[in-house]
Amino acid sequence: MAAVRSHEADTFVKRPPGHARVFLLYGPDAGAVSERAATLTRYFSSQPGDEFNVVQLDAEALAKEPQLLADEAQTVGLFGGKRCIRVDSRPKSINPAVELLLENGEADYRLIIEAGDLRRDAPLRRLLERENTAALIECRSDTTQQIERLIDDQAESEGLTIAPEARQLLASLLGADRLTTRSEIDKVMLYGRTSERIEAADVAAIAADAGVVVVDNLIHAAFTGDRVQVAKQSPRVLDEMDPGVLLTFVLRHTFILLQICIEGGRNPEAAIDRFARGLPPGKRTQMSQQLRNWTAEALIQLSVEVARGTLRVRTNSKLAEALAQRTLWEITRRAVRT
């Protein structure tokens, strides 16, 4: 088993070792999980004879019929090549299907599994840690240095240059989700394309949009129970946003979750489509996690407390930032506990 740390993951997926045939991508950054899984898929489909052998399997189907994964792995394509199978395991557990596949040592395949933020003792991680041909690839949120490299790489590919202060400003606004980060970088590149050099003013011109992204990332991190991201992002948000306004956004998110809890019933994904239309894939995954963390009763109680906290913030300017920070940490604590 190869354990690939988050800072090594981008290099690893661009040229994975030949002996590896099972790749588990996991972590809190759903955007990075998705992007790296796509990179692996492109790498394997570019091999001679393999371009027709890429297949996406549904976790729901594998949960009902575990043998399907092994059957697919043993399928021989018309033009030969190794079967490349991609599965998003977040909706359902695919452990029985993976166990059946690993029992058959003769099949020649590559399996790419997308997962959420798995604990060390998660059954899927423990299962694959025993396999010599498995690679466990960690996908945590990008550091500032990693974001700056993404910015530089994108600018170079576009034939642009970016001023150091512009790079630093843009990097400070991003980082919770790789797909969101990519999208925001693309917006800046498009905006600055006419001058061939991106300045801080170009970033500032869309800073309002980027600022909303950062606030949204912080709120989702708190309700998901992501202590690392709350600690990383709350100081920069509170440095630039009125604490009362921030808590108003928090209260709005609480009400959205409550609506989904009450009206979602047995189909929360449909409720997410209704009340939170337009969410990127990473945010949809976080929202689904939040619905598992929070009950309607807990959200009702929280909405009352956040409303009271907003009033206290607006009537006590000296302690406003500290009170807002305490509210965020209390939400994070409850999300982890529940």
C-alpha atoms as a PDB file:
ATOM      1  CA  MET A   1       0.000   0.000   0.000  1.00  0.00           C
ATOM      2  CA  ALA A   2       1.255   3.469  -0.916  1.00  0.00           C
ATOM      3  CA  ALA A   3       0.156   6.350   1.315  1.00  0.00           C
ATOM      4  CA  VAL A   4       0.257   9.600  -0.668  1.00  0.00           C
ATOM      5  CA  ARG A   5       0.144  12.821   1.337  1.00  0.00           C
ATOM      6  CA  SER A   6      -1.922  15.737   0.078  1.00  0.00           C
ATOM      7  CA  HIS A   7       1.073  17.859  -0.981  1.00  0.00           C
ATOM      8  CA  GLU A   8       2.385  14.943  -3.087  1.00  0.00           C
ATOM      9  CA  ALA A   9      -0.958  14.016  -4.658  1.00  0.00           C
ATOM     10  CA  ASP A  10      -0.912  16.231  -7.772  1.00  0.00           C
ATOM     11  CA  THR A  11       2.476  14.873  -8.842  1.00  0.00           C
ATOM     12  CA  PHE A  12       1.483  11.288  -8.047  1.00  0.00           C
ATOM     13  CA  VAL A  13      -1.743  11.230 -10.098  1.00  0.00           C
ATOM     14  CA  LYS A  14      -0.019  12.660 -13.182  1.00  0.00           C
ATOM     15  CA  ARG A  15       2.252   9.608 -13.361  1.00  0.00           C
ATOM     16  CA  PRO A  16       1.096   6.799 -11.038  1.00  0.00           C
ATOM     17  CA  PRO A  17       3.371   3.767 -10.524  1.00  0.00           C
ATOM     18  CA  GLY A  18       2.757   0.827 -12.828  1.00  0.00           C
ATOM     19  CA  HIS A  19       2.096  -1.694 -10.056  1.00  0.00           C
ATOM     20  CA  ALA A  20      -0.781   0.288  -8.521  1.00  0.00           C
ATOM     21  CA  ARG A  21      -4.254  -0.731  -9.637  1.00  0.00           C
ATOM     22  CA  VAL A  22      -6.569   0.527  -6.854  1.00  0.00           C
ATOM     23  CA  PHE A  23      -6.608   4.255  -6.068  1.00  0.00           C
ATOM     24  CA  LEU A  24      -8.585   5.614  -3.121  1.00  0.00           C
ATOM     25  CA  LEU A  25      -8.905   9.400  -3.148  1.00  0.00           C
ATOM     26  CA  TYR A  26     -10.277  10.768   0.112  1.00  0.00           C
ATOM     27  CA  GLY A  27     -10.341  13.931   2.208  1.00  0.00           C
ATOM     28  CA  PRO A  28     -12.341  17.058   3.047  1.00  0.00           C
ATOM     29  CA  ASP A  29     -11.636  18.810  -0.275  1.00  0.00           C
ATOM     30  CA  ALA A  30     -14.219  17.225  -2.559  1.00  0.00           C
ATOM     31  CA  GLY A  31     -13.027  19.376  -5.446  1.00  0.00           C
ATOM     32  CA  ALA A  32      -9.483  18.016  -5.160  1.00  0.00           C
ATOM     33  CA  VAL A  33     -10.834  14.453  -4.938  1.00  0.00           C
ATOM     34  CA  SER A  34     -12.809  14.953  -8.146  1.00  0.00           C
ATOM     35  CA  GLU A  35      -9.994  16.729 -10.016  1.00  0.00           C
ATOM     36  CA  ARG A  36      -7.366  14.125  -9.123  1.00  0.00           C
ATOM     37  CA  ALA A  37      -9.703  11.254 -10.001  1.00  0.00           C
ATOM     38  CA  ALA A  38     -10.249  12.885 -13.392  1.00  0.00           C
ATOM     39  CA  THR A  39      -6.463  13.236 -13.852  1.00  0.00           C
ATOM     40  CA  LEU A  40      -5.956   9.530 -13.150  1.00  0.00           C
ATOM     41  CA  THR A  41      -8.773   8.631 -15.530  1.00  0.00           C
ATOM     42  CA  ARG A  42      -7.243  10.736 -18.313  1.00  0.00           C
ATOM     43  CA  TYR A  43      -3.832   9.164 -17.711  1.00  0.00           C
ATOM     44  CA  PHE A  44      -5.136   5.614 -18.000  1.00  0.00           C
ATOM     45  CA  SER A  45      -7.430   6.334 -20.945  1.00  0.00           C
ATOM     46  CA  SER A  46      -4.474   7.794 -22.847  1.00  0.00           C
ATOM     47  CA  GLN A  47      -2.698   4.430 -22.880  1.00  0.00           C
ATOM     48  CA  PRO A  48      -2.870   2.470 -26.170  1.00  0.00           C
ATOM     49  CA  GLY A  49      -5.904   0.176 -26.204  1.00  0.00           C
ATOM     50  CA  ASP A  50      -7.314   1.633 -22.976  1.00  0.00           C
ATOM     51  CA  GLU A  51      -9.200   4.638 -24.313  1.00  0.00           C
ATOM     52  CA  PHE A  52     -12.319   2.486 -24.828  1.00  0.00           C
ATOM     53  CA  ASN A  53     -12.055   0.766 -21.445  1.00  0.00           C
ATOM     54  CA  VAL A  54     -13.068   3.571 -19.056  1.00  0.00           C
ATOM     55  CA  VAL A  55     -16.343   2.938 -17.241  1.00  0.00           C
ATOM     56  CA  GLN A  56     -18.188   4.792 -14.464  1.00  0.00           C
ATOM     57  CA  LEU A  57     -20.078   2.611 -11.989  1.00  0.00           C
ATOM     58  CA  ASP A  58     -22.836   3.783  -9.688  1.00  0.00           C
ATOM     59  CA  ALA A  59     -22.306   3.185  -5.965  1.00  0.00           C
ATOM     60  CA  GLU A  60     -26.020   2.570  -5.499  1.00  0.00           C
ATOM     61  CA  ALA A  61     -25.875  -0.261  -8.037  1.00  0.00           C
ATOM     62  CA  LEU A  62     -22.758  -1.754  -6.413  1.00  0.00           C
ATOM     63  CA  ALA A  63     -24.415  -1.662  -2.989  1.00  0.00           C
ATOM     64  CA  LYS A  64     -27.296  -3.721  -4.384  1.00  0.00           C
ATOM     65  CA  GLU A  65     -25.120  -5.992  -6.544  1.00  0.00           C
ATOM     66  CA  PRO A  66     -21.516  -6.201  -5.189  1.00  0.00           C
ATOM     67  CA  GLN A  67     -20.464  -8.778  -7.802  1.00  0.00           C
ATOM     68  CA  LEU A  68     -20.927  -6.156 -10.529  1.00  0.00           C
ATOM     69  CA  LEU A  69     -17.545  -4.551  -9.793  1.00  0.00           C
ATOM     70  CA  ALA A  70     -15.604  -7.807 -10.171  1.00  0.00           C
ATOM     71  CA  ASP A  71     -17.535  -8.656 -13.327  1.00  0.00           C
ATOM     72  CA  GLU A  72     -16.710  -5.301 -14.848  1.00  0.00           C
ATOM     73  CA  ALA A  73     -13.011  -5.634 -13.923  1.00  0.00           C
ATOM     74  CA  GLN A  74     -12.810  -8.975 -15.734  1.00  0.00           C
ATOM     75  CA  THR A  75     -14.467  -7.676 -18.893  1.00  0.00           C
ATOM     76  CA  VAL A  76     -12.099  -7.680 -21.863  1.00  0.00           C
ATOM     77  CA  GLY A  77     -12.526  -4.792 -24.274  1.00  0.00           C
ATOM     78  CA  LEU A  78     -12.821  -5.205 -28.025  1.00  0.00           C
ATOM     79  CA  PHE A  79      -9.380  -3.659 -28.547  1.00  0.00           C
ATOM     80  CA  GLY A  80      -7.708  -5.140 -25.451  1.00  0.00           C
ATOM     81  CA  GLY A  81      -6.220  -2.929 -22.767  1.00  0.00           C
ATOM     82  CA  LYS A  82      -6.885  -2.713 -19.057  1.00  0.00           C
ATOM     83  CA  ARG A  83     -10.281  -1.868 -17.645  1.00  0.00           C
ATOM     84  CA  CYS A  84     -10.379   1.494 -15.821  1.00  0.00           C
ATOM     85  CA  ILE A  85     -13.308   1.742 -13.387  1.00  0.00           C
ATOM     86  CA  ARG A  86     -14.283   4.942 -11.589  1.00  0.00           C
ATOM     87  CA  VAL A  87     -16.685   4.916  -8.625  1.00  0.00           C
ATOM     88  CA  ASP A  88     -17.894   7.656  -6.303  1.00  0.00           C
ATOM     89  CA  SER A  89     -18.330   5.802  -3.007  1.00  0.00           C
ATOM     90  CA  ARG A  90     -19.804   8.729  -1.062  1.00  0.00           C
ATOM     91  CA  PRO A  91     -23.488   7.940  -1.633  1.00  0.00           C
ATOM     92  CA  LYS A  92     -23.215   4.292  -0.542  1.00  0.00           C
ATOM     93  CA  SER A  93     -20.690   1.879   0.945  1.00  0.00           C
ATOM     94  CA  ILE A  94     -18.975  -0.202  -1.727  1.00  0.00           C
ATOM     95  CA  ASN A  95     -16.859  -2.251   0.698  1.00  0.00           C
ATOM     96  CA  PRO A  96     -18.479  -5.643  -0.150  1.00  0.00           C
ATOM     97  CA  ALA A  97     -17.945  -4.983  -3.856  1.00  0.00           C
ATOM     98  CA  VAL A  98     -14.268  -4.059  -3.319  1.00  0.00           C
ATOM     99  CA  GLU A  99     -13.718  -7.147  -1.149  1.00  0.00           C
ATOM    100  CA  LEU A 100     -15.086  -9.402  -3.895  1.00  0.00           C
ATOM    101  CA  LEU A 101     -12.872  -7.689  -6.449  1.00  0.00           C
ATOM    102  CA  LEU A 102      -9.715  -8.095  -4.358  1.00  0.00           C
ATOM    103  CA  GLU A 103     -10.430 -11.802  -3.866  1.00  0.00           C
ATOM    104  CA  ASN A 104      -9.979 -12.267  -7.598  1.00  0.00           C
ATOM    105  CA  GLY A 105      -6.267 -11.703  -8.115  1.00  0.00           C
ATOM    106  CA  GLU A 106      -6.275 -12.571 -11.828  1.00  0.00           C
ATOM    107  CA  ALA A 107      -8.231  -9.621 -13.217  1.00  0.00           C
ATOM    108  CA  ASP A 108      -6.207  -6.785 -14.770  1.00  0.00           C
ATOM    109  CA  TYR A 109      -7.829  -3.430 -14.041  1.00  0.00           C
ATOM    110  CA  ARG A 110      -7.474   0.011 -12.483  1.00  0.00           C
ATOM    111  CA  LEU A 111     -10.042   1.073  -9.909  1.00  0.00           C
ATOM    112  CA  ILE A 112     -10.427   4.763  -8.983  1.00  0.00           C
ATOM    113  CA  ILE A 113     -12.555   5.356  -5.881  1.00  0.00           C
ATOM    114  CA  GLU A 114     -13.704   8.823  -4.834  1.00  0.00           C
ATOM    115  CA  ALA A 115     -14.512   9.129  -1.128  1.00  0.00           C
ATOM    116  CA  GLY A 116     -15.188  11.748   1.507  1.00  0.00           C
ATOM    117  CA  ASP A 117     -13.107  12.583   4.575  1.00  0.00           C
ATOM    118  CA  LEU A 118     -12.524   9.035   5.821  1.00  0.00           C
ATOM    119  CA  ARG A 119     -11.299   8.440   9.358  1.00  0.00           C
ATOM    120  CA  ARG A 120      -8.182   6.330   9.920  1.00  0.00           C
ATOM    121  CA  ASP A 121     -10.350   3.430  11.089  1.00  0.00           C
ATOM    122  CA  ALA A 122     -12.835   3.671   8.197  1.00  0.00           C
ATOM    123  CA  PRO A 123     -13.487   0.148   6.833  1.00  0.00           C
ATOM    124  CA  LEU A 124     -12.564   1.077   3.262  1.00  0.00           C
ATOM    125  CA  ARG A 125      -9.225   2.549   4.329  1.00  0.00           C
ATOM    126  CA  ARG A 126      -8.420  -0.479   6.514  1.00  0.00           C
ATOM    127  CA  LEU A 127      -9.338  -2.840   3.696  1.00  0.00           C
ATOM    128  CA  LEU A 128      -7.059  -1.172   1.144  1.00  0.00           C
ATOM    129  CA  GLU A 129      -4.173  -0.573   3.541  1.00  0.00           C
ATOM    130  CA  ARG A 130      -3.559  -4.325   3.407  1.00  0.00           C
ATOM    131  CA  GLU A 131      -3.243  -4.340  -0.385  1.00  0.00           C
ATOM    132  CA  ASN A 132       0.200  -3.982  -1.968  1.00  0.00           C
ATOM    133  CA  THR A 133      -1.317  -2.679  -5.201  1.00  0.00           C
ATOM    134  CA  ALA A 134      -3.421   0.056  -3.548  1.00  0.00           C
ATOM    135  CA  ALA A 135      -2.636   3.763  -3.270  1.00  0.00           C
ATOM    136  CA  LEU A 136      -4.395   5.892  -0.660  1.00  0.00           C
ATOM    137  CA  ILE A 137      -4.310   9.496  -1.832  1.00  0.00           C
ATOM    138  CA  GLU A 138      -5.053  12.231   0.680  1.00  0.00           C
ATOM    139  CA  CYS A 139      -6.926  15.314  -0.607  1.00  0.00           C
ATOM    140  CA  ARG A 140      -6.830  18.142   1.896  1.00  0.00           C
ATOM    141  CA  SER A 141      -7.439  21.812   1.217  1.00  0.00           C
ATOM    142  CA  ASP A 142      -4.659  23.594  -0.640  1.00  0.00           C
ATOM    143  CA  THR A 143      -2.098  25.639   1.252  1.00  0.00           C
ATOM    144  CA  THR A 144      -1.381  29.206   0.207  1.00  0.00           C
ATOM    145  CA  GLN A 145       1.799  28.027  -1.552  1.00  0.00           C
ATOM    146  CA  GLN A 146      -0.129  25.379  -3.493  1.00  0.00           C
ATOM    147  CA  ILE A 147      -2.747  27.926  -4.546  1.00  0.00           C
ATOM    148  CA  GLU A 148      -0.017  30.289  -5.744  1.00  0.00           C
ATOM    149  CA  ARG A 149       1.453  27.455  -7.841  1.00  0.00           C
ATOM    150  CA  LEU A 150      -1.971  26.799  -9.353  1.00  0.00           C
ATOM    151  CA  ILE A 151      -2.237  30.502 -10.196  1.00  0.00           C
ATOM    152  CA  ASP A 152       1.226  30.569 -11.782  1.00  0.00           C
ATOM    153  CA  ASP A 153       0.599  27.382 -13.780  1.00  0.00           C
ATOM    154  CA  GLN A 154      -2.708  28.703 -15.095  1.00  0.00           C
ATOM    155  CA  ALA A 155      -1.194  32.083 -15.983  1.00  0.00           C
ATOM    156  CA  GLU A 156       1.663  30.385 -17.841  1.00  0.00           C
ATOM    157  CA  SER A 157      -0.724  28.162 -19.790  1.00  0.00           C
ATOM    158  CA  GLU A 158      -2.711  31.271 -20.778  1.00  0.00           C
ATOM    159  CA  GLY A 159       0.442  33.147 -21.844  1.00  0.00           C
ATOM    160  CA  LEU A 160      -0.029  35.712 -19.058  1.00  0.00           C
ATOM    161  CA  THR A 161       2.095  37.063 -16.244  1.00  0.00           C
ATOM    162  CA  ILE A 162       0.802  38.006 -12.804  1.00  0.00           C
ATOM    163  CA  ALA A 163       2.218  40.582 -10.407  1.00  0.00           C
ATOM    164  CA  PRO A 164       3.398  39.166  -7.038  1.00  0.00           C
ATOM    165  CA  GLU A 165       0.928  41.309  -5.067  1.00  0.00           C
ATOM    166  CA  ALA A 166      -1.914  40.176  -7.360  1.00  0.00           C
ATOM    167  CA  ARG A 167      -0.951  36.535  -6.792  1.00  0.00           C
ATOM    168  CA  GLN A 168      -0.860  37.003  -3.025  1.00  0.00           C
ATOM    169  CA  LEU A 169      -4.225  38.776  -2.984  1.00  0.00           C
ATOM    170  CA  LEU A 170      -5.939  36.124  -5.069  1.00  0.00           C
ATOM    171  CA  ALA A 171      -4.405  33.261  -3.063  1.00  0.00           C
ATOM    172  CA  SER A 172      -5.621  34.842   0.191  1.00  0.00           C
ATOM    173  CA  LEU A 173      -9.221  34.631  -1.047  1.00  0.00           C
ATOM    174  CA  LEU A 174      -9.213  30.962  -2.011  1.00  0.00           C
ATOM    175  CA  GLY A 175      -8.418  27.507  -0.712  1.00  0.00           C
ATOM    176  CA  ALA A 176     -11.331  25.513   0.714  1.00  0.00           C
ATOM    177  CA  ASP A 177     -12.318  23.621  -2.432  1.00  0.00           C
ATOM    178  CA  ARG A 178     -10.119  22.884  -5.461  1.00  0.00           C
ATOM    179  CA  LEU A 179     -12.893  23.200  -8.053  1.00  0.00           C
ATOM    180  CA  THR A 180     -13.997  26.554  -6.639  1.00  0.00           C
ATOM    181  CA  THR A 181     -10.368  27.690  -6.597  1.00  0.00           C
ATOM    182  CA  ARG A 182      -9.942  26.707 -10.249  1.00  0.00           C
ATOM    183  CA  SER A 183     -13.126  28.531 -11.195  1.00  0.00           C
ATOM    184  CA  GLU A 184     -12.065  31.751  -9.470  1.00  0.00           C
ATOM    185  CA  ILE A 185      -8.568  31.623 -11.007  1.00  0.00           C
ATOM    186  CA  ASP A 186     -10.134  31.179 -14.446  1.00  0.00           C
ATOM    187  CA  LYS A 187     -12.286  34.281 -13.857  1.00  0.00           C
ATOM    188  CA  VAL A 188      -9.231  36.383 -13.018  1.00  0.00           C
ATOM    189  CA  MET A 189      -7.333  35.084 -16.051  1.00  0.00           C
ATOM    190  CA  LEU A 190     -10.247  35.915 -18.333  1.00  0.00           C
ATOM    191  CA  TYR A 191     -10.553  39.391 -16.822  1.00  0.00           C
ATOM    192  CA  GLY A 192      -6.841  40.138 -17.210  1.00  0.00           C
ATOM    193  CA  ARG A 193      -6.387  38.643 -20.662  1.00  0.00           C
ATOM    194  CA  THR A 194      -6.549  41.960 -22.514  1.00  0.00           C
ATOM    195  CA  SER A 195      -3.419  43.353 -20.834  1.00  0.00           C
ATOM    196  CA  GLU A 196      -1.318  40.130 -20.745  1.00  0.00           C
ATOM    197  CA  ARG A 197      -0.258  41.049 -17.182  1.00  0.00           C
ATOM    198  CA  ILE A 198      -2.574  40.673 -14.205  1.00  0.00           C
ATOM    199  CA  GLU A 199      -2.291  43.340 -11.539  1.00  0.00           C
ATOM    200  CA  ALA A 200      -3.756  43.553  -8.044  1.00  0.00           C
ATOM    201  CA  ALA A 201      -6.408  45.922  -9.420  1.00  0.00           C
ATOM    202  CA  ASP A 202      -7.648  43.147 -11.708  1.00  0.00           C
ATOM    203  CA  VAL A 203      -8.088  40.839  -8.730  1.00  0.00           C
ATOM    204  CA  ALA A 204      -9.720  43.621  -6.730  1.00  0.00           C
ATOM    205  CA  ALA A 205     -12.180  44.162  -9.569  1.00  0.00           C
ATOM    206  CA  ILE A 206     -13.731  40.753  -8.853  1.00  0.00           C
ATOM    207  CA  ALA A 207     -12.833  40.654  -5.139  1.00  0.00           C
ATOM    208  CA  ALA A 208     -16.472  41.037  -4.158  1.00  0.00           C
ATOM    209  CA  ASP A 209     -17.307  37.759  -5.878  1.00  0.00           C
ATOM    210  CA  ALA A 210     -14.229  36.059  -4.438  1.00  0.00           C
ATOM    211  CA  GLY A 211     -15.088  37.410  -0.987  1.00  0.00           C
ATOM    212  CA  VAL A 212     -18.518  35.771  -1.171  1.00  0.00           C
ATOM    213  CA  VAL A 213     -16.813  32.492  -2.053  1.00  0.00           C
ATOM    214  CA  VAL A 214     -14.565  32.746   1.023  1.00  0.00           C
ATOM    215  CA  VAL A 215     -17.504  33.494   3.345  1.00  0.00           C
ATOM    216  CA  ASP A 216     -19.465  30.610   1.822  1.00  0.00           C
ATOM    217  CA  ASN A 217     -16.493  28.274   2.315  1.00  0.00           C
ATOM    218  CA  LEU A 218     -16.174  29.315   5.964  1.00  0.00           C
ATOM    219  CA  ILE A 219     -19.855  28.732   6.717  1.00  0.00           C
ATOM    220  CA  HIS A 220     -19.861  25.332   5.029  1.00  0.00           C
ATOM    221  CA  ALA A 221     -16.701  24.375   6.964  1.00  0.00           C
ATOM    222  CA  ALA A 222     -18.329  25.295  10.297  1.00  0.00           C
ATOM    223  CA  PHE A 223     -21.530  23.341   9.624  1.00  0.00           C
ATOM    224  CA  THR A 224     -19.479  20.357   8.390  1.00  0.00           C
ATOM    225  CA  GLY A 225     -17.287  20.417  11.507  1.00  0.00           C
ATOM    226  CA  ASP A 226     -14.031  21.187   9.688  1.00  0.00           C
ATOM    227  CA  ARG A 227     -11.936  22.755  12.475  1.00  0.00           C
ATOM    228  CA  VAL A 228      -8.883  23.262  10.243  1.00  0.00           C
ATOM    229  CA  GLN A 229     -10.743  25.369   7.695  1.00  0.00           C
ATOM    230  CA  VAL A 230     -12.620  27.364  10.328  1.00  0.00           C
ATOM    231  CA  ALA A 231      -9.315  28.231  11.997  1.00  0.00           C
ATOM    232  CA  LYS A 232      -7.736  29.087   8.635  1.00  0.00           C
ATOM    233  CA  GLN A 233     -10.515  31.183   7.136  1.00  0.00           C
ATOM    234  CA  SER A 234     -12.365  32.882   9.996  1.00  0.00           C
ATOM    235  CA  PRO A 235      -9.599  35.453  10.749  1.00  0.00           C
ATOM    236  CA  ARG A 236      -9.418  36.654   7.128  1.00  0.00           C
ATOM    237  CA  VAL A 237     -13.228  36.830   6.829  1.00  0.00           C
ATOM    238  CA  LEU A 238     -13.662  38.731  10.090  1.00  0.00           C
ATOM    239  CA  ASP A 239     -10.843  41.048   9.087  1.00  0.00           C
ATOM    240  CA  GLU A 240     -12.782  42.112   5.988  1.00  0.00           C
ATOM    241  CA  MET A 241     -16.464  41.611   6.888  1.00  0.00           C
ATOM    242  CA  ASP A 242     -18.710  43.100   9.551  1.00  0.00           C
ATOM    243  CA  PRO A 243     -19.333  40.358  12.182  1.00  0.00           C
ATOM    244  CA  GLY A 244     -23.051  41.104  12.188  1.00  0.00           C
ATOM    245  CA  VAL A 245     -23.255  40.605   8.428  1.00  0.00           C
ATOM    246  CA  LEU A 246     -21.339  37.334   8.738  1.00  0.00           C
ATOM    247  CA  LEU A 247     -23.793  36.012  11.334  1.00  0.00           C
ATOM    248  CA  THR A 248     -26.666  37.040   9.069  1.00  0.00           C
ATOM    249  CA  PHE A 249     -25.185  34.750   6.398  1.00  0.00           C
ATOM    250  CA  VAL A 250     -24.816  32.019   9.043  1.00  0.00           C
ATOM    251  CA  LEU A 251     -28.475  32.402  10.033  1.00  0.00           C
ATOM    252  CA  ARG A 252     -29.544  32.205   6.382  1.00  0.00           C
ATOM    253  CA  HIS A 253     -27.579  28.964   5.939  1.00  0.00           C
ATOM    254  CA  THR A 254     -29.204  27.567   9.100  1.00  0.00           C
ATOM    255  CA  PHE A 255     -32.654  28.244   7.665  1.00  0.00           C
ATOM    256  CA  ILE A 256     -31.733  26.620   4.325  1.00  0.00           C
ATOM    257  CA  LEU A 257     -30.577  23.455   6.126  1.00  0.00           C
ATOM    258  CA  LEU A 258     -33.734  23.497   8.246  1.00  0.00           C
ATOM    259  CA  GLN A 259     -35.951  23.751   5.149  1.00  0.00           C
ATOM    260  CA  ILE A 260     -34.129  20.820   3.565  1.00  0.00           C
ATOM    261  CA  CYS A 261     -34.424  18.755   6.776  1.00  0.00           C
ATOM    262  CA  ILE A 262     -38.154  19.415   7.079  1.00  0.00           C
ATOM    263  CA  GLU A 263     -39.129  19.018   3.423  1.00  0.00           C
ATOM    264  CA  GLY A 264     -36.425  16.646   2.203  1.00  0.00           C
ATOM    265  CA  GLY A 265     -37.848  13.520   3.812  1.00  0.00           C
ATOM    266  CA  ARG A 266     -36.419  10.419   2.210  1.00  0.00           C
ATOM    267  CA  ASN A 267     -34.920  12.333  -0.707  1.00  0.00           C
ATOM    268  CA  PRO A 268     -32.614  15.066   0.658  1.00  0.00           C
ATOM    269  CA  GLU A 269     -30.773  15.398  -2.668  1.00  0.00           C
ATOM    270  CA  ALA A 270     -33.976  16.600  -4.336  1.00  0.00           C
ATOM    271  CA  ALA A 271     -34.446  19.095  -1.499  1.00  0.00           C
ATOM    272  CA  ILE A 272     -30.883  20.362  -2.020  1.00  0.00           C
ATOM    273  CA  ASP A 273     -31.727  20.916  -5.692  1.00  0.00           C
ATOM    274  CA  ARG A 274     -34.766  22.943  -4.661  1.00  0.00           C
ATOM    275  CA  PHE A 275     -33.352  25.107  -1.884  1.00  0.00           C
ATOM    276  CA  ALA A 276     -29.665  25.316  -2.840  1.00  0.00           C
ATOM    277  CA  ARG A 277     -29.765  25.244  -6.627  1.00  0.00           C
ATOM    278  CA  GLY A 278     -26.464  25.903  -8.398  1.00  0.00           C
ATOM    279  CA  LEU A 279     -24.140  24.435  -5.779  1.00  0.00           C
ATOM    280  CA  PRO A 280     -20.856  23.081  -7.208  1.00  0.00           C
ATOM    281  CA  PRO A 281     -20.164  19.345  -6.630  1.00  0.00           C
ATOM    282  CA  GLY A 282     -17.908  20.000  -3.646  1.00  0.00           C
ATOM    283  CA  LYS A 283     -20.535  22.108  -1.875  1.00  0.00           C
ATOM    284  CA  ARG A 284     -23.251  19.529  -2.575  1.00  0.00           C
ATOM    285  CA  THR A 285     -21.106  16.911  -0.854  1.00  0.00           C
ATOM    286  CA  GLN A 286     -20.618  19.208   2.140  1.00  0.00           C
ATOM    287  CA  MET A 287     -24.342  19.956   2.284  1.00  0.00           C
ATOM    288  CA  SER A 288     -25.129  16.240   2.319  1.00  0.00           C
ATOM    289  CA  GLN A 289     -22.651  15.786   5.172  1.00  0.00           C
ATOM    290  CA  GLN A 290     -24.269  18.649   7.072  1.00  0.00           C
ATOM    291  CA  LEU A 291     -27.681  17.013   6.755  1.00  0.00           C
ATOM    292  CA  ARG A 292     -26.209  13.960   8.460  1.00  0.00           C
ATOM    293  CA  ASN A 293     -24.702  16.135  11.213  1.00  0.00           C
ATOM    294  CA  TRP A 294     -27.759  18.241  12.027  1.00  0.00           C
ATOM    295  CA  THR A 295     -31.328  17.367  12.945  1.00  0.00           C
ATOM    296  CA  ALA A 296     -34.247  19.740  12.443  1.00  0.00           C
ATOM    297  CA  GLU A 297     -34.524  20.156  16.226  1.00  0.00           C
ATOM    298  CA  ALA A 298     -30.851  21.086  16.531  1.00  0.00           C
ATOM    299  CA  LEU A 299     -31.154  23.595  13.688  1.00  0.00           C
ATOM    300  CA  ILE A 300     -34.212  25.248  15.250  1.00  0.00           C
ATOM    301  CA  GLN A 301     -32.303  25.676  18.518  1.00  0.00           C
ATOM    302  CA  LEU A 302     -29.254  26.970  16.645  1.00  0.00           C
ATOM    303  CA  SER A 303     -31.289  29.506  14.668  1.00  0.00           C
ATOM    304  CA  VAL A 304     -32.553  31.046  17.917  1.00  0.00           C
ATOM    305  CA  GLU A 305     -29.032  31.206  19.336  1.00  0.00           C
ATOM    306  CA  VAL A 306     -27.531  32.720  16.157  1.00  0.00           C
ATOM    307  CA  ALA A 307     -30.305  35.336  16.048  1.00  0.00           C
ATOM    308  CA  ARG A 308     -29.557  36.288  19.643  1.00  0.00           C
ATOM    309  CA  GLY A 309     -25.843  36.296  18.898  1.00  0.00           C
ATOM    310  CA  THR A 310     -26.411  38.632  15.955  1.00  0.00           C
ATOM    311  CA  LEU A 311     -28.231  41.065  18.235  1.00  0.00           C
ATOM    312  CA  ARG A 312     -25.402  40.956  20.782  1.00  0.00           C
ATOM    313  CA  VAL A 313     -22.826  41.557  18.048  1.00  0.00           C
ATOM    314  CA  ARG A 314     -24.700  44.581  16.734  1.00  0.00           C
ATOM    315  CA  THR A 315     -25.053  46.125  20.206  1.00  0.00           C
ATOM    316  CA  ASN A 316     -21.502  45.461  21.404  1.00  0.00           C
ATOM    317  CA  SER A 317     -19.014  46.646  18.797  1.00  0.00           C
ATOM    318  CA  LYS A 318     -15.938  46.086  20.985  1.00  0.00           C
ATOM    319  CA  LEU A 319     -16.663  42.377  21.382  1.00  0.00           C
ATOM    320  CA  ALA A 320     -18.366  41.862  18.005  1.00  0.00           C
ATOM    321  CA  GLU A 321     -15.521  39.958  16.358  1.00  0.00           C
ATOM    322  CA  ALA A 322     -14.938  37.718  19.380  1.00  0.00           C
ATOM    323  CA  LEU A 323     -18.654  36.944  19.678  1.00  0.00           C
ATOM    324  CA  ALA A 324     -18.919  36.032  15.994  1.00  0.00           C
ATOM    325  CA  GLN A 325     -15.815  33.850  16.266  1.00  0.00           C
ATOM    326  CA  ARG A 326     -17.294  32.080  19.292  1.00  0.00           C
ATOM    327  CA  THR A 327     -20.504  31.392  17.360  1.00  0.00           C
ATOM    328  CA  LEU A 328     -18.545  29.825  14.498  1.00  0.00           C
ATOM    329  CA  TRP A 329     -16.577  27.604  16.862  1.00  0.00           C
ATOM    330  CA  GLU A 330     -19.739  26.529  18.691  1.00  0.00           C
ATOM    331  CA  ILE A 331     -21.320  25.492  15.379  1.00  0.00           C
ATOM    332  CA  THR A 332     -18.158  23.573  14.457  1.00  0.00           C
ATOM    333  CA  ARG A 333     -18.099  21.831  17.842  1.00  0.00           C
ATOM    334  CA  ARG A 334     -21.723  20.738  17.579  1.00  0.00           C
ATOM    335  CA  ALA A 335     -21.241  19.492  14.014  1.00  0.00           C
ATOM    336  CA  VAL A 336     -18.385  17.241  15.140  1.00  0.00           C
ATOM    337  CA  ARG A 337     -20.251  16.052  18.234  1.00  0.00           C
ATOM    338  CA  THR A 338     -23.420  15.160  16.379  1.00  0.00           C
END
